[in-house]
Amino acid sequence: MSGMIGQDKMNKPGKRARIGVSGIVAPLCLALGLSACAQFSNEDILTFDGFYFRTDVDLFERKVRDHFRVEVRNPQQSLAGAREAGRHQAIRHCIEQFGTSAIEWVSGPDVEDAELIFDNDKLVFEGYCRP
């Protein structure tokens, strides 16, 4: 008889049982999707002179974190913007590694245009973080 009671309850589910997994998962996915869109809005992209520049920081030696090289891609979009993007990335590196924004440039963003260094269509800066 106890088997009948269990079957009777299964055949007549209540409103809560009708929600099911898909009724919970779908709204959660929608909410997560919308929040992810908000995190990656255009307001979060840092631009210089109206352009986005992809930058990379490389170390000359893994053990020596103060000597770095910054590469700025697509500097032809705006040379002034590329200079500032490279400066920003260098300062960010030095702050993250040493807690200071002081940089001694070997080849920096403040040189004349003719003195700028390019490597495979990338603007290149070199410097040392100085704590």
C-alpha atoms as a PDB file:
ATOM      1  CA  MET A   1       0.000   0.000   0.000  1.00  0.00           C
ATOM      2  CA  SER A   2       2.853   2.378   0.652  1.00  0.00           C
ATOM      3  CA  GLY A   3       3.862   1.900  -2.981  1.00  0.00           C
ATOM      4  CA  MET A   4       0.452   3.229  -4.035  1.00  0.00           C
ATOM      5  CA  ILE A   5       0.796   6.367  -1.956  1.00  0.00           C
ATOM      6  CA  GLY A   6       4.156   7.181  -3.555  1.00  0.00           C
ATOM      7  CA  GLN A   7       2.767   6.621  -7.048  1.00  0.00           C
ATOM      8  CA  ASP A   8      -0.307   8.695  -6.264  1.00  0.00           C
ATOM      9  CA  LYS A   9       1.864  11.642  -5.270  1.00  0.00           C
ATOM     10  CA  MET A  10       3.970  11.303  -8.435  1.00  0.00           C
ATOM     11  CA  ASN A  11       0.913  11.286 -10.685  1.00  0.00           C
ATOM     12  CA  LYS A  12      -0.469  14.463  -9.122  1.00  0.00           C
ATOM     13  CA  PRO A  13       2.464  16.839  -8.772  1.00  0.00           C
ATOM     14  CA  GLY A  14       1.933  20.188  -7.108  1.00  0.00           C
ATOM     15  CA  LYS A  15       2.695  23.527  -8.674  1.00  0.00           C
ATOM     16  CA  ARG A  16       6.194  23.567  -7.189  1.00  0.00           C
ATOM     17  CA  ALA A  17       7.048  20.270  -8.834  1.00  0.00           C
ATOM     18  CA  ARG A  18       5.989  21.615 -12.268  1.00  0.00           C
ATOM     19  CA  ILE A  19       8.674  24.310 -12.291  1.00  0.00           C
ATOM     20  CA  GLY A  20      11.365  21.751 -12.998  1.00  0.00           C
ATOM     21  CA  VAL A  21      15.010  22.285 -13.689  1.00  0.00           C
ATOM     22  CA  SER A  22      14.516  24.144 -16.968  1.00  0.00           C
ATOM     23  CA  GLY A  23      12.240  26.647 -15.234  1.00  0.00           C
ATOM     24  CA  ILE A  24      15.108  27.562 -12.921  1.00  0.00           C
ATOM     25  CA  VAL A  25      18.068  27.211 -15.282  1.00  0.00           C
ATOM     26  CA  ALA A  26      16.691  29.347 -18.128  1.00  0.00           C
ATOM     27  CA  PRO A  27      16.173  32.505 -16.040  1.00  0.00           C
ATOM     28  CA  LEU A  28      19.573  32.045 -14.378  1.00  0.00           C
ATOM     29  CA  CYS A  29      21.300  31.743 -17.756  1.00  0.00           C
ATOM     30  CA  LEU A  30      19.514  34.841 -18.987  1.00  0.00           C
ATOM     31  CA  ALA A  31      20.527  36.815 -15.908  1.00  0.00           C
ATOM     32  CA  LEU A  32      24.153  35.674 -16.159  1.00  0.00           C
ATOM     33  CA  GLY A  33      24.247  36.487 -19.855  1.00  0.00           C
ATOM     34  CA  LEU A  34      22.952  39.996 -19.302  1.00  0.00           C
ATOM     35  CA  SER A  35      25.393  40.635 -16.471  1.00  0.00           C
ATOM     36  CA  ALA A  36      28.275  39.447 -18.669  1.00  0.00           C
ATOM     37  CA  CYS A  37      27.257  41.936 -21.357  1.00  0.00           C
ATOM     38  CA  ALA A  38      27.327  44.723 -18.811  1.00  0.00           C
ATOM     39  CA  GLN A  39      30.865  43.771 -17.756  1.00  0.00           C
ATOM     40  CA  PHE A  40      32.227  44.096 -21.293  1.00  0.00           C
ATOM     41  CA  SER A  41      30.643  47.318 -22.401  1.00  0.00           C
ATOM     42  CA  ASN A  42      32.481  49.802 -24.600  1.00  0.00           C
ATOM     43  CA  GLU A  43      32.952  52.026 -21.563  1.00  0.00           C
ATOM     44  CA  ASP A  44      35.473  49.519 -20.158  1.00  0.00           C
ATOM     45  CA  ILE A  45      37.761  49.653 -23.215  1.00  0.00           C
ATOM     46  CA  LEU A  46      40.602  52.093 -22.715  1.00  0.00           C
ATOM     47  CA  THR A  47      41.293  54.188 -25.796  1.00  0.00           C
ATOM     48  CA  PHE A  48      43.987  56.731 -26.613  1.00  0.00           C
ATOM     49  CA  ASP A  49      43.356  59.536 -29.087  1.00  0.00           C
ATOM     50  CA  GLY A  50      40.090  57.734 -29.902  1.00  0.00           C
ATOM     51  CA  PHE A  51      41.690  54.385 -30.791  1.00  0.00           C
ATOM     52  CA  TYR A  52      42.189  51.063 -29.011  1.00  0.00           C
ATOM     53  CA  PHE A  53      45.781  49.808 -29.011  1.00  0.00           C
ATOM     54  CA  ARG A  54      46.770  46.291 -28.058  1.00  0.00           C
ATOM     55  CA  THR A  55      49.959  46.330 -25.990  1.00  0.00           C
ATOM     56  CA  ASP A  56      52.339  43.695 -24.653  1.00  0.00           C
ATOM     57  CA  VAL A  57      55.033  43.886 -21.982  1.00  0.00           C
ATOM     58  CA  ASP A  58      58.035  41.585 -22.238  1.00  0.00           C
ATOM     59  CA  LEU A  59      60.887  41.215 -19.773  1.00  0.00           C
ATOM     60  CA  PHE A  60      64.454  40.983 -21.003  1.00  0.00           C
ATOM     61  CA  GLU A  61      65.191  38.453 -18.259  1.00  0.00           C
ATOM     62  CA  ARG A  62      62.621  36.575 -16.198  1.00  0.00           C
ATOM     63  CA  LYS A  63      64.548  37.158 -12.969  1.00  0.00           C
ATOM     64  CA  VAL A  64      64.974  40.880 -13.645  1.00  0.00           C
ATOM     65  CA  ARG A  65      61.470  42.355 -13.684  1.00  0.00           C
ATOM     66  CA  ASP A  66      62.524  45.993 -13.796  1.00  0.00           C
ATOM     67  CA  HIS A  67      63.939  45.907 -17.375  1.00  0.00           C
ATOM     68  CA  PHE A  68      60.995  45.727 -19.774  1.00  0.00           C
ATOM     69  CA  ARG A  69      59.953  46.229 -23.377  1.00  0.00           C
ATOM     70  CA  VAL A  70      56.502  47.446 -24.432  1.00  0.00           C
ATOM     71  CA  GLU A  71      55.111  46.746 -27.883  1.00  0.00           C
ATOM     72  CA  VAL A  72      52.151  48.717 -29.233  1.00  0.00           C
ATOM     73  CA  ARG A  73      50.303  47.210 -32.177  1.00  0.00           C
ATOM     74  CA  ASN A  74      48.853  49.265 -35.032  1.00  0.00           C
ATOM     75  CA  PRO A  75      50.567  52.554 -34.178  1.00  0.00           C
ATOM     76  CA  GLN A  76      49.595  53.910 -37.609  1.00  0.00           C
ATOM     77  CA  GLN A  77      46.074  54.520 -36.254  1.00  0.00           C
ATOM     78  CA  SER A  78      47.459  57.453 -34.264  1.00  0.00           C
ATOM     79  CA  LEU A  79      51.089  57.914 -33.337  1.00  0.00           C
ATOM     80  CA  ALA A  80      50.150  60.173 -30.427  1.00  0.00           C
ATOM     81  CA  GLY A  81      47.652  57.588 -29.162  1.00  0.00           C
ATOM     82  CA  ALA A  82      50.174  54.749 -29.574  1.00  0.00           C
ATOM     83  CA  ARG A  83      52.742  56.688 -27.533  1.00  0.00           C
ATOM     84  CA  GLU A  84      50.270  57.154 -24.684  1.00  0.00           C
ATOM     85  CA  ALA A  85      49.091  53.524 -24.840  1.00  0.00           C
ATOM     86  CA  GLY A  86      52.711  52.379 -24.515  1.00  0.00           C
ATOM     87  CA  ARG A  87      53.372  54.791 -21.657  1.00  0.00           C
ATOM     88  CA  HIS A  88      50.217  53.604 -19.876  1.00  0.00           C
ATOM     89  CA  GLN A  89      51.207  49.942 -20.216  1.00  0.00           C
ATOM     90  CA  ALA A  90      54.733  50.627 -18.938  1.00  0.00           C
ATOM     91  CA  ILE A  91      53.445  52.544 -15.918  1.00  0.00           C
ATOM     92  CA  ARG A  92      50.941  49.796 -15.206  1.00  0.00           C
ATOM     93  CA  HIS A  93      53.711  47.179 -15.329  1.00  0.00           C
ATOM     94  CA  CYS A  94      55.942  49.131 -12.943  1.00  0.00           C
ATOM     95  CA  ILE A  95      53.107  49.766 -10.497  1.00  0.00           C
ATOM     96  CA  GLU A  96      52.084  46.090 -10.507  1.00  0.00           C
ATOM     97  CA  GLN A  97      55.666  44.859 -10.061  1.00  0.00           C
ATOM     98  CA  PHE A  98      57.217  47.539  -7.830  1.00  0.00           C
ATOM     99  CA  GLY A  99      54.468  49.838  -6.613  1.00  0.00           C
ATOM    100  CA  THR A 100      55.895  52.850  -8.411  1.00  0.00           C
ATOM    101  CA  SER A 101      55.296  54.668 -11.681  1.00  0.00           C
ATOM    102  CA  ALA A 102      58.880  55.939 -11.952  1.00  0.00           C
ATOM    103  CA  ILE A 103      60.468  54.827 -15.230  1.00  0.00           C
ATOM    104  CA  GLU A 104      63.941  55.372 -16.640  1.00  0.00           C
ATOM    105  CA  TRP A 105      63.432  55.178 -20.400  1.00  0.00           C
ATOM    106  CA  VAL A 106      66.019  53.729 -22.755  1.00  0.00           C
ATOM    107  CA  SER A 107      63.676  54.406 -25.657  1.00  0.00           C
ATOM    108  CA  GLY A 108      60.478  56.079 -24.512  1.00  0.00           C
ATOM    109  CA  PRO A 109      57.369  57.834 -25.731  1.00  0.00           C
ATOM    110  CA  ASP A 110      58.778  61.358 -25.366  1.00  0.00           C
ATOM    111  CA  VAL A 111      61.413  61.151 -28.115  1.00  0.00           C
ATOM    112  CA  GLU A 112      61.071  62.829 -31.500  1.00  0.00           C
ATOM    113  CA  ASP A 113      59.146  60.916 -34.170  1.00  0.00           C
ATOM    114  CA  ALA A 114      62.358  60.135 -36.087  1.00  0.00           C
ATOM    115  CA  GLU A 115      63.839  58.477 -32.977  1.00  0.00           C
ATOM    116  CA  LEU A 116      60.911  56.123 -32.355  1.00  0.00           C
ATOM    117  CA  ILE A 117      61.675  52.417 -32.755  1.00  0.00           C
ATOM    118  CA  PHE A 118      59.429  50.192 -34.845  1.00  0.00           C
ATOM    119  CA  ASP A 119      59.632  46.418 -35.134  1.00  0.00           C
ATOM    120  CA  ASN A 120      57.313  44.617 -37.592  1.00  0.00           C
ATOM    121  CA  ASP A 121      54.753  47.449 -37.564  1.00  0.00           C
ATOM    122  CA  LYS A 122      54.819  47.672 -33.755  1.00  0.00           C
ATOM    123  CA  LEU A 123      55.949  50.700 -31.814  1.00  0.00           C
ATOM    124  CA  VAL A 124      58.535  49.575 -29.252  1.00  0.00           C
ATOM    125  CA  PHE A 125      59.575  51.197 -25.958  1.00  0.00           C
ATOM    126  CA  GLU A 126      62.226  50.035 -23.521  1.00  0.00           C
ATOM    127  CA  GLY A 127      62.790  51.085 -19.965  1.00  0.00           C
ATOM    128  CA  TYR A 128      63.524  50.279 -16.335  1.00  0.00           C
ATOM    129  CA  CYS A 129      61.142  50.558 -13.398  1.00  0.00           C
ATOM    130  CA  ARG A 130      62.809  52.698 -10.718  1.00  0.00           C
ATOM    131  CA  PRO A 131      61.409  52.152  -7.223  1.00  0.00           C
END
